[in-house]
Amino acid sequence: LGQNFNVAGVTIFMSTLAGRRYLAIPHISVQDINQVDWKALREAGF
C-alpha cells in the first residue's frame, strides 16, 4: 500500500510535471545493473 499511495511525494510529483522535469531524468540508464562498472564509479570519487 505504501508503494502504491505516496502522499509525501504528491507535491514533488506535481512540481516535476509543472516545470522541474529534469529531476525525473536519470544520469545513466541501463538494462540492468550488470552494465554498471562499479569500480569506475568508485575511482571517479563516489
All heavy atoms as atom14 arrays in JSON, in Angstrom:
{
  "sequence": "LGQNFNVAGVTIFMSTLAGRRYLAIPHISVQDINQVDWKALREAGF",
  "atom14_mask": [
    [1, 1, 1, 1, 1, 1, 1, 1, 0, 0, 0, 0, 0, 0],
    [1, 1, 1, 1, 0, 0, 0, 0, 0, 0, 0, 0, 0, 0],
    [1, 1, 1, 1, 1, 1, 1, 1, 1, 0, 0, 0, 0, 0],
    [1, 1, 1, 1, 1, 1, 1, 1, 0, 0, 0, 0, 0, 0],
    [1, 1, 1, 1, 1, 1, 1, 1, 1, 1, 1, 0, 0, 0],
    [1, 1, 1, 1, 1, 1, 1, 1, 0, 0, 0, 0, 0, 0],
    [1, 1, 1, 1, 1, 1, 1, 0, 0, 0, 0, 0, 0, 0],
    [1, 1, 1, 1, 1, 0, 0, 0, 0, 0, 0, 0, 0, 0],
    [1, 1, 1, 1, 0, 0, 0, 0, 0, 0, 0, 0, 0, 0],
    [1, 1, 1, 1, 1, 1, 1, 0, 0, 0, 0, 0, 0, 0],
    [1, 1, 1, 1, 1, 1, 1, 0, 0, 0, 0, 0, 0, 0],
    [1, 1, 1, 1, 1, 1, 1, 1, 0, 0, 0, 0, 0, 0],
    [1, 1, 1, 1, 1, 1, 1, 1, 1, 1, 1, 0, 0, 0],
    [1, 1, 1, 1, 1, 1, 1, 1, 0, 0, 0, 0, 0, 0],
    [1, 1, 1, 1, 1, 1, 0, 0, 0, 0, 0, 0, 0, 0],
    [1, 1, 1, 1, 1, 1, 1, 0, 0, 0, 0, 0, 0, 0],
    [1, 1, 1, 1, 1, 1, 1, 1, 0, 0, 0, 0, 0, 0],
    [1, 1, 1, 1, 1, 0, 0, 0, 0, 0, 0, 0, 0, 0],
    [1, 1, 1, 1, 0, 0, 0, 0, 0, 0, 0, 0, 0, 0],
    [1, 1, 1, 1, 1, 1, 1, 1, 1, 1, 1, 0, 0, 0],
    [1, 1, 1, 1, 1, 1, 1, 1, 1, 1, 1, 0, 0, 0],
    [1, 1, 1, 1, 1, 1, 1, 1, 1, 1, 1, 1, 0, 0],
    [1, 1, 1, 1, 1, 1, 1, 1, 0, 0, 0, 0, 0, 0],
    [1, 1, 1, 1, 1, 0, 0, 0, 0, 0, 0, 0, 0, 0],
    [1, 1, 1, 1, 1, 1, 1, 1, 0, 0, 0, 0, 0, 0],
    [1, 1, 1, 1, 1, 1, 1, 0, 0, 0, 0, 0, 0, 0],
    [1, 1, 1, 1, 1, 1, 1, 1, 1, 1, 0, 0, 0, 0],
    [1, 1, 1, 1, 1, 1, 1, 1, 0, 0, 0, 0, 0, 0],
    [1, 1, 1, 1, 1, 1, 0, 0, 0, 0, 0, 0, 0, 0],
    [1, 1, 1, 1, 1, 1, 1, 0, 0, 0, 0, 0, 0, 0],
    [1, 1, 1, 1, 1, 1, 1, 1, 1, 0, 0, 0, 0, 0],
    [1, 1, 1, 1, 1, 1, 1, 1, 0, 0, 0, 0, 0, 0],
    [1, 1, 1, 1, 1, 1, 1, 1, 0, 0, 0, 0, 0, 0],
    [1, 1, 1, 1, 1, 1, 1, 1, 0, 0, 0, 0, 0, 0],
    [1, 1, 1, 1, 1, 1, 1, 1, 1, 0, 0, 0, 0, 0],
    [1, 1, 1, 1, 1, 1, 1, 0, 0, 0, 0, 0, 0, 0],
    [1, 1, 1, 1, 1, 1, 1, 1, 0, 0, 0, 0, 0, 0],
    [1, 1, 1, 1, 1, 1, 1, 1, 1, 1, 1, 1, 1, 1],
    [1, 1, 1, 1, 1, 1, 1, 1, 1, 0, 0, 0, 0, 0],
    [1, 1, 1, 1, 1, 0, 0, 0, 0, 0, 0, 0, 0, 0],
    [1, 1, 1, 1, 1, 1, 1, 1, 0, 0, 0, 0, 0, 0],
    [1, 1, 1, 1, 1, 1, 1, 1, 1, 1, 1, 0, 0, 0],
    [1, 1, 1, 1, 1, 1, 1, 1, 1, 0, 0, 0, 0, 0],
    [1, 1, 1, 1, 1, 0, 0, 0, 0, 0, 0, 0, 0, 0],
    [1, 1, 1, 1, 0, 0, 0, 0, 0, 0, 0, 0, 0, 0],
    [1, 1, 1, 1, 1, 1, 1, 1, 1, 1, 1, 0, 0, 0]
  ],
  "atom14_positions": [
    [[0.82, -1.19, 0.0], [0.0, 0.0, 0.0], [0.86, 1.25, 0.0], [0.59, 2.22, -0.71], [-0.92, -0.01, 1.21], [-1.85, 1.21, 1.37], [-2.78, 1.3, 0.17], [-2.63, 1.12, 2.67], [0.0, 0.0, 0.0], [0.0, 0.0, 0.0], [0.0, 0.0, 0.0], [0.0, 0.0, 0.0], [0.0, 0.0, 0.0], [0.0, 0.0, 0.0]],
    [[1.93, 1.23, 0.78], [2.79, 2.39, 0.86], [3.45, 2.73, -0.46], [3.71, 3.89, -0.76], [0.0, 0.0, 0.0], [0.0, 0.0, 0.0], [0.0, 0.0, 0.0], [0.0, 0.0, 0.0], [0.0, 0.0, 0.0], [0.0, 0.0, 0.0], [0.0, 0.0, 0.0], [0.0, 0.0, 0.0], [0.0, 0.0, 0.0], [0.0, 0.0, 0.0]],
    [[3.76, 1.7, -1.25], [4.37, 1.96, -2.54], [3.33, 2.44, -3.54], [3.64, 3.17, -4.48], [5.06, 0.7, -3.06], [6.29, 0.35, -2.25], [7.13, -0.7, -2.92], [7.19, -0.77, -4.14], [7.77, -1.52, -2.14], [0.0, 0.0, 0.0], [0.0, 0.0, 0.0], [0.0, 0.0, 0.0], [0.0, 0.0, 0.0], [0.0, 0.0, 0.0]],
    [[2.08, 2.0, -3.38], [1.03, 2.4, -4.31], [0.57, 3.84, -4.08], [0.19, 4.53, -5.02], [-0.18, 1.47, -4.17], [0.09, 0.1, -4.75], [1.05, -0.1, -5.46], [-0.77, -0.85, -4.41], [0.0, 0.0, 0.0], [0.0, 0.0, 0.0], [0.0, 0.0, 0.0], [0.0, 0.0, 0.0], [0.0, 0.0, 0.0], [0.0, 0.0, 0.0]],
    [[0.56, 4.3, -2.82], [-0.01, 5.6, -2.49], [1.0, 6.38, -1.67], [1.22, 6.08, -0.5], [-1.31, 5.4, -1.72], [-2.06, 6.69, -1.5], [-2.54, 7.41, -2.57], [-2.27, 7.14, -0.21], [-3.25, 8.59, -2.35], [-2.97, 8.32, 0.01], [-3.46, 9.04, -1.06], [0.0, 0.0, 0.0], [0.0, 0.0, 0.0], [0.0, 0.0, 0.0]],
    [[1.61, 7.37, -2.27], [2.7, 8.09, -1.66], [2.29, 9.55, -1.45], [2.52, 10.39, -2.31], [3.94, 7.99, -2.55], [5.18, 8.55, -1.89], [5.1, 9.28, -0.92], [6.32, 8.21, -2.43], [0.0, 0.0, 0.0], [0.0, 0.0, 0.0], [0.0, 0.0, 0.0], [0.0, 0.0, 0.0], [0.0, 0.0, 0.0], [0.0, 0.0, 0.0]],
    [[1.65, 9.82, -0.32], [1.17, 11.16, -0.04], [2.33, 12.15, -0.01], [2.24, 13.27, -0.52], [0.4, 11.19, 1.28], [-0.03, 12.61, 1.63], [-0.81, 10.27, 1.21], [0.0, 0.0, 0.0], [0.0, 0.0, 0.0], [0.0, 0.0, 0.0], [0.0, 0.0, 0.0], [0.0, 0.0, 0.0], [0.0, 0.0, 0.0], [0.0, 0.0, 0.0]],
    [[3.45, 11.74, 0.59], [4.58, 12.65, 0.76], [5.15, 13.13, -0.56], [5.76, 14.19, -0.64], [5.67, 11.95, 1.57], [0.0, 0.0, 0.0], [0.0, 0.0, 0.0], [0.0, 0.0, 0.0], [0.0, 0.0, 0.0], [0.0, 0.0, 0.0], [0.0, 0.0, 0.0], [0.0, 0.0, 0.0], [0.0, 0.0, 0.0], [0.0, 0.0, 0.0]],
    [[4.96, 12.34, -1.62], [5.56, 12.69, -2.9], [4.66, 13.46, -3.83], [5.09, 13.84, -4.92], [0.0, 0.0, 0.0], [0.0, 0.0, 0.0], [0.0, 0.0, 0.0], [0.0, 0.0, 0.0], [0.0, 0.0, 0.0], [0.0, 0.0, 0.0], [0.0, 0.0, 0.0], [0.0, 0.0, 0.0], [0.0, 0.0, 0.0], [0.0, 0.0, 0.0]],
    [[3.41, 13.73, -3.43], [2.45, 14.37, -4.35], [2.92, 15.76, -4.78], [2.91, 16.11, -5.97], [1.05, 14.43, -3.73], [0.12, 15.3, -4.57], [0.47, 13.03, -3.6], [0.0, 0.0, 0.0], [0.0, 0.0, 0.0], [0.0, 0.0, 0.0], [0.0, 0.0, 0.0], [0.0, 0.0, 0.0], [0.0, 0.0, 0.0], [0.0, 0.0, 0.0]],
    [[3.35, 16.58, -3.83], [3.78, 17.94, -4.15], [5.0, 17.92, -5.08], [5.07, 18.69, -6.04], [4.12, 18.72, -2.87], [2.96, 18.77, -2.04], [4.58, 20.14, -3.19], [0.0, 0.0, 0.0], [0.0, 0.0, 0.0], [0.0, 0.0, 0.0], [0.0, 0.0, 0.0], [0.0, 0.0, 0.0], [0.0, 0.0, 0.0], [0.0, 0.0, 0.0]],
    [[5.95, 17.04, -4.78], [7.14, 16.92, -5.63], [6.76, 16.43, -7.01], [7.26, 16.93, -8.03], [8.17, 15.98, -4.97], [8.63, 16.55, -3.64], [9.36, 15.75, -5.89], [9.4, 15.58, -2.8], [0.0, 0.0, 0.0], [0.0, 0.0, 0.0], [0.0, 0.0, 0.0], [0.0, 0.0, 0.0], [0.0, 0.0, 0.0], [0.0, 0.0, 0.0]],
    [[5.84, 15.46, -7.07], [5.36, 14.94, -8.34], [4.76, 16.07, -9.19], [5.08, 16.22, -10.37], [4.31, 13.86, -8.08], [3.61, 13.35, -9.31], [4.2, 12.42, -10.13], [2.34, 13.82, -9.63], [3.55, 11.95, -11.26], [1.68, 13.36, -10.75], [2.28, 12.42, -11.57], [0.0, 0.0, 0.0], [0.0, 0.0, 0.0], [0.0, 0.0, 0.0]],
    [[3.92, 16.9, -8.59], [3.28, 17.98, -9.32], [4.28, 19.03, -9.77], [4.19, 19.55, -10.88], [2.18, 18.61, -8.46], [1.03, 17.67, -8.12], [0.25, 16.93, -9.58], [-0.42, 18.4, -10.38], [0.0, 0.0, 0.0], [0.0, 0.0, 0.0], [0.0, 0.0, 0.0], [0.0, 0.0, 0.0], [0.0, 0.0, 0.0], [0.0, 0.0, 0.0]],
    [[5.26, 19.33, -8.92], [6.26, 20.33, -9.31], [7.16, 19.81, -10.42], [7.61, 20.57, -11.27], [7.1, 20.74, -8.1], [7.95, 19.69, -7.66], [0.0, 0.0, 0.0], [0.0, 0.0, 0.0], [0.0, 0.0, 0.0], [0.0, 0.0, 0.0], [0.0, 0.0, 0.0], [0.0, 0.0, 0.0], [0.0, 0.0, 0.0], [0.0, 0.0, 0.0]],
    [[7.39, 18.49, -10.43], [8.17, 17.89, -11.52], [7.41, 18.01, -12.83], [7.98, 18.4, -13.86], [8.47, 16.41, -11.21], [9.19, 16.32, -9.99], [9.3, 15.79, -12.33], [0.0, 0.0, 0.0], [0.0, 0.0, 0.0], [0.0, 0.0, 0.0], [0.0, 0.0, 0.0], [0.0, 0.0, 0.0], [0.0, 0.0, 0.0], [0.0, 0.0, 0.0]],
    [[6.13, 17.7, -12.8], [5.31, 17.82, -14.01], [5.24, 19.26, -14.47], [5.25, 19.55, -15.68], [3.9, 17.3, -13.74], [3.69, 15.8, -13.61], [2.22, 15.5, -13.34], [4.15, 15.07, -14.88], [0.0, 0.0, 0.0], [0.0, 0.0, 0.0], [0.0, 0.0, 0.0], [0.0, 0.0, 0.0], [0.0, 0.0, 0.0], [0.0, 0.0, 0.0]],
    [[5.15, 20.19, -13.52], [4.92, 21.59, -13.85], [6.14, 22.29, -14.42], [6.01, 23.21, -15.23], [4.41, 22.34, -12.62], [0.0, 0.0, 0.0], [0.0, 0.0, 0.0], [0.0, 0.0, 0.0], [0.0, 0.0, 0.0], [0.0, 0.0, 0.0], [0.0, 0.0, 0.0], [0.0, 0.0, 0.0], [0.0, 0.0, 0.0], [0.0, 0.0, 0.0]],
    [[7.33, 21.89, -14.02], [8.48, 22.64, -14.52], [9.84, 22.07, -14.19], [10.83, 22.44, -14.81], [0.0, 0.0, 0.0], [0.0, 0.0, 0.0], [0.0, 0.0, 0.0], [0.0, 0.0, 0.0], [0.0, 0.0, 0.0], [0.0, 0.0, 0.0], [0.0, 0.0, 0.0], [0.0, 0.0, 0.0], [0.0, 0.0, 0.0], [0.0, 0.0, 0.0]],
    [[9.89, 21.15, -13.23], [11.2, 20.6, -12.84], [11.36, 19.2, -13.43], [11.73, 18.25, -12.76], [11.32, 20.58, -11.31], [11.09, 21.94, -10.67], [11.09, 21.84, -9.16], [12.41, 21.6, -8.64], [12.68, 21.17, -7.41], [11.68, 20.92, -6.58], [13.91, 20.98, -7.01], [0.0, 0.0, 0.0], [0.0, 0.0, 0.0], [0.0, 0.0, 0.0]],
    [[11.09, 19.1, -14.71], [11.07, 17.81, -15.38], [12.43, 17.12, -15.4], [12.51, 15.9, -15.45], [10.52, 17.99, -16.81], [9.1, 18.51, -16.8], [8.63, 18.94, -18.17], [7.24, 19.42, -18.11], [6.6, 20.0, -19.12], [7.23, 20.16, -20.27], [5.36, 20.41, -18.98], [0.0, 0.0, 0.0], [0.0, 0.0, 0.0], [0.0, 0.0, 0.0]],
    [[13.48, 17.91, -15.37], [14.83, 17.37, -15.37], [15.08, 16.44, -14.17], [15.95, 15.57, -14.23], [15.86, 18.51, -15.36], [15.7, 19.47, -14.21], [16.36, 19.25, -13.0], [14.88, 20.59, -14.31], [16.22, 20.12, -11.93], [14.72, 21.47, -13.25], [15.4, 21.23, -12.06], [15.24, 22.08, -11.0], [0.0, 0.0, 0.0], [0.0, 0.0, 0.0]],
    [[14.32, 16.63, -13.08], [14.53, 15.79, -11.91], [14.19, 14.33, -12.17], [14.69, 13.44, -11.48], [13.67, 16.3, -10.74], [14.09, 17.63, -10.11], [13.11, 18.0, -9.0], [15.51, 17.56, -9.56], [0.0, 0.0, 0.0], [0.0, 0.0, 0.0], [0.0, 0.0, 0.0], [0.0, 0.0, 0.0], [0.0, 0.0, 0.0], [0.0, 0.0, 0.0]],
    [[13.35, 14.05, -13.14], [12.94, 12.67, -13.43], [13.84, 11.99, -14.45], [13.65, 10.81, -14.74], [11.5, 12.65, -13.94], [0.0, 0.0, 0.0], [0.0, 0.0, 0.0], [0.0, 0.0, 0.0], [0.0, 0.0, 0.0], [0.0, 0.0, 0.0], [0.0, 0.0, 0.0], [0.0, 0.0, 0.0], [0.0, 0.0, 0.0], [0.0, 0.0, 0.0]],
    [[14.84, 12.7, -14.96], [15.73, 12.14, -15.98], [16.99, 11.58, -15.3], [17.71, 12.32, -14.63], [16.14, 13.19, -17.02], [14.9, 13.93, -17.54], [16.93, 12.54, -18.14], [13.9, 13.06, -18.25], [0.0, 0.0, 0.0], [0.0, 0.0, 0.0], [0.0, 0.0, 0.0], [0.0, 0.0, 0.0], [0.0, 0.0, 0.0], [0.0, 0.0, 0.0]],
    [[17.27, 10.3, -15.43], [18.47, 9.74, -14.8], [19.75, 10.14, -15.52], [19.74, 10.39, -16.74], [18.23, 8.23, -14.9], [17.37, 8.07, -16.12], [16.48, 9.28, -16.16], [0.0, 0.0, 0.0], [0.0, 0.0, 0.0], [0.0, 0.0, 0.0], [0.0, 0.0, 0.0], [0.0, 0.0, 0.0], [0.0, 0.0, 0.0], [0.0, 0.0, 0.0]],
    [[20.84, 10.21, -14.78], [22.13, 10.46, -15.41], [22.55, 9.29, -16.3], [23.16, 9.48, -17.35], [23.21, 10.69, -14.34], [22.99, 11.92, -13.52], [22.48, 11.89, -12.24], [23.18, 13.23, -13.83], [22.4, 13.13, -11.77], [22.81, 13.95, -12.7], [0.0, 0.0, 0.0], [0.0, 0.0, 0.0], [0.0, 0.0, 0.0], [0.0, 0.0, 0.0]],
    [[22.23, 8.07, -15.86], [22.63, 6.86, -16.58], [21.43, 5.92, -16.64], [20.78, 5.67, -15.62], [23.8, 6.14, -15.87], [25.01, 7.08, -15.74], [24.19, 4.86, -16.6], [26.1, 6.54, -14.84], [0.0, 0.0, 0.0], [0.0, 0.0, 0.0], [0.0, 0.0, 0.0], [0.0, 0.0, 0.0], [0.0, 0.0, 0.0], [0.0, 0.0, 0.0]],
    [[21.15, 5.39, -17.82], [20.09, 4.38, -17.99], [20.74, 3.08, -18.47], [21.56, 3.1, -19.39], [19.05, 4.85, -19.01], [18.35, 5.98, -18.54], [0.0, 0.0, 0.0], [0.0, 0.0, 0.0], [0.0, 0.0, 0.0], [0.0, 0.0, 0.0], [0.0, 0.0, 0.0], [0.0, 0.0, 0.0], [0.0, 0.0, 0.0], [0.0, 0.0, 0.0]],
    [[20.37, 1.97, -17.86], [20.92, 0.67, -18.21], [19.8, -0.35, -18.27], [18.72, -0.15, -17.71], [22.0, 0.21, -17.2], [23.23, 1.09, -17.26], [21.43, 0.17, -15.78], [0.0, 0.0, 0.0], [0.0, 0.0, 0.0], [0.0, 0.0, 0.0], [0.0, 0.0, 0.0], [0.0, 0.0, 0.0], [0.0, 0.0, 0.0], [0.0, 0.0, 0.0]],
    [[20.05, -1.47, -18.93], [19.07, -2.54, -18.94], [18.93, -3.16, -17.56], [17.84, -3.42, -17.07], [19.44, -3.61, -19.97], [18.43, -4.74, -20.1], [17.05, -4.24, -20.52], [16.94, -3.33, -21.34], [16.0, -4.82, -19.95], [0.0, 0.0, 0.0], [0.0, 0.0, 0.0], [0.0, 0.0, 0.0], [0.0, 0.0, 0.0], [0.0, 0.0, 0.0]],
    [[20.07, -3.41, -16.92], [20.09, -3.86, -15.53], [21.46, -3.53, -14.98], [22.34, -3.03, -15.69], [19.75, -5.36, -15.39], [20.68, -6.25, -16.17], [21.92, -6.06, -16.09], [20.2, -7.15, -16.87], [0.0, 0.0, 0.0], [0.0, 0.0, 0.0], [0.0, 0.0, 0.0], [0.0, 0.0, 0.0], [0.0, 0.0, 0.0], [0.0, 0.0, 0.0]],
    [[21.68, -3.8, -13.71], [22.93, -3.35, -13.07], [24.16, -4.12, -13.55], [25.29, -3.73, -13.22], [22.83, -3.39, -11.54], [22.64, -4.83, -11.02], [21.71, -2.49, -11.05], [22.79, -4.95, -9.5], [0.0, 0.0, 0.0], [0.0, 0.0, 0.0], [0.0, 0.0, 0.0], [0.0, 0.0, 0.0], [0.0, 0.0, 0.0], [0.0, 0.0, 0.0]],
    [[23.96, -5.19, -14.32], [25.12, -5.88, -14.89], [25.94, -4.96, -15.78], [27.13, -5.2, -16.01], [24.68, -7.1, -15.69], [24.21, -8.24, -14.81], [24.83, -8.54, -13.79], [23.11, -8.87, -15.19], [0.0, 0.0, 0.0], [0.0, 0.0, 0.0], [0.0, 0.0, 0.0], [0.0, 0.0, 0.0], [0.0, 0.0, 0.0], [0.0, 0.0, 0.0]],
    [[25.33, -3.91, -16.32], [26.02, -2.99, -17.21], [26.83, -1.93, -16.48], [27.58, -1.2, -17.11], [25.02, -2.31, -18.14], [24.34, -3.23, -19.13], [23.37, -2.46, -20.0], [22.24, -2.23, -19.62], [23.84, -2.03, -21.16], [0.0, 0.0, 0.0], [0.0, 0.0, 0.0], [0.0, 0.0, 0.0], [0.0, 0.0, 0.0], [0.0, 0.0, 0.0]],
    [[26.66, -1.84, -15.18], [27.31, -0.77, -14.42], [28.73, -1.17, -14.05], [28.96, -2.26, -13.52], [26.51, -0.43, -13.16], [27.2, 0.68, -12.37], [25.08, -0.02, -13.52], [0.0, 0.0, 0.0], [0.0, 0.0, 0.0], [0.0, 0.0, 0.0], [0.0, 0.0, 0.0], [0.0, 0.0, 0.0], [0.0, 0.0, 0.0], [0.0, 0.0, 0.0]],
    [[29.67, -0.28, -14.29], [31.06, -0.5, -13.91], [31.28, 0.13, -12.53], [31.58, 1.32, -12.42], [32.0, 0.12, -14.94], [33.45, -0.3, -14.74], [33.82, -0.58, -13.57], [34.21, -0.36, -15.72], [0.0, 0.0, 0.0], [0.0, 0.0, 0.0], [0.0, 0.0, 0.0], [0.0, 0.0, 0.0], [0.0, 0.0, 0.0], [0.0, 0.0, 0.0]],
    [[31.11, -0.65, -11.49], [31.18, -0.14, -10.13], [32.58, 0.36, -9.78], [32.72, 1.37, -9.08], [30.76, -1.23, -9.15], [29.4, -1.78, -9.42], [29.09, -3.03, -9.87], [28.15, -1.09, -9.26], [27.72, -3.16, -10.01], [27.12, -2.0, -9.64], [27.8, 0.19, -8.83], [25.78, -1.65, -9.6], [26.46, 0.54, -8.78], [25.47, -0.37, -9.17]],
    [[33.59, -0.32, -10.28], [34.96, 0.11, -10.0], [35.23, 1.49, -10.58], [35.86, 2.34, -9.95], [35.95, -0.92, -10.56], [37.41, -0.59, -10.24], [38.34, -1.67, -10.79], [39.79, -1.32, -10.5], [40.73, -2.35, -11.05], [0.0, 0.0, 0.0], [0.0, 0.0, 0.0], [0.0, 0.0, 0.0], [0.0, 0.0, 0.0], [0.0, 0.0, 0.0]],
    [[34.74, 1.74, -11.8], [34.93, 3.05, -12.42], [34.24, 4.15, -11.62], [34.77, 5.25, -11.47], [34.42, 3.02, -13.86], [0.0, 0.0, 0.0], [0.0, 0.0, 0.0], [0.0, 0.0, 0.0], [0.0, 0.0, 0.0], [0.0, 0.0, 0.0], [0.0, 0.0, 0.0], [0.0, 0.0, 0.0], [0.0, 0.0, 0.0], [0.0, 0.0, 0.0]],
    [[33.07, 3.84, -11.1], [32.37, 4.83, -10.29], [33.12, 5.13, -9.0], [33.2, 6.28, -8.58], [30.96, 4.31, -9.97], [29.99, 4.28, -11.16], [28.74, 3.48, -10.81], [29.62, 5.69, -11.58], [0.0, 0.0, 0.0], [0.0, 0.0, 0.0], [0.0, 0.0, 0.0], [0.0, 0.0, 0.0], [0.0, 0.0, 0.0], [0.0, 0.0, 0.0]],
    [[33.68, 4.1, -8.39], [34.46, 4.33, -7.18], [35.69, 5.18, -7.51], [36.03, 6.12, -6.78], [34.9, 3.0, -6.57], [35.67, 3.14, -5.25], [36.4, 1.87, -4.91], [37.45, 1.59, -5.88], [37.96, 0.38, -6.12], [37.5, -0.67, -5.48], [38.93, 0.22, -7.0], [0.0, 0.0, 0.0], [0.0, 0.0, 0.0], [0.0, 0.0, 0.0]],
    [[36.35, 4.86, -8.61], [37.54, 5.61, -8.99], [37.22, 7.05, -9.36], [38.08, 7.93, -9.27], [38.25, 4.9, -10.16], [38.87, 3.57, -9.75], [39.46, 2.81, -10.93], [39.18, 3.2, -12.09], [40.17, 1.82, -10.69], [0.0, 0.0, 0.0], [0.0, 0.0, 0.0], [0.0, 0.0, 0.0], [0.0, 0.0, 0.0], [0.0, 0.0, 0.0]],
    [[35.97, 7.3, -9.77], [35.56, 8.66, -10.07], [35.32, 9.49, -8.82], [35.11, 10.7, -8.91], [34.28, 8.63, -10.92], [0.0, 0.0, 0.0], [0.0, 0.0, 0.0], [0.0, 0.0, 0.0], [0.0, 0.0, 0.0], [0.0, 0.0, 0.0], [0.0, 0.0, 0.0], [0.0, 0.0, 0.0], [0.0, 0.0, 0.0], [0.0, 0.0, 0.0]],
    [[35.33, 8.84, -7.65], [35.21, 9.58, -6.41], [33.94, 9.35, -5.63], [33.76, 9.95, -4.56], [0.0, 0.0, 0.0], [0.0, 0.0, 0.0], [0.0, 0.0, 0.0], [0.0, 0.0, 0.0], [0.0, 0.0, 0.0], [0.0, 0.0, 0.0], [0.0, 0.0, 0.0], [0.0, 0.0, 0.0], [0.0, 0.0, 0.0], [0.0, 0.0, 0.0]],
    [[33.06, 8.49, -6.13], [31.83, 8.23, -5.4], [32.12, 7.35, -4.18], [33.02, 6.53, -4.18], [30.79, 7.59, -6.32], [30.27, 8.55, -7.34], [30.8, 8.59, -8.62], [29.27, 9.45, -7.01], [30.35, 9.51, -9.56], [28.81, 10.38, -7.93], [29.35, 10.41, -9.22], [0.0, 0.0, 0.0], [0.0, 0.0, 0.0], [0.0, 0.0, 0.0]]
  ]
}
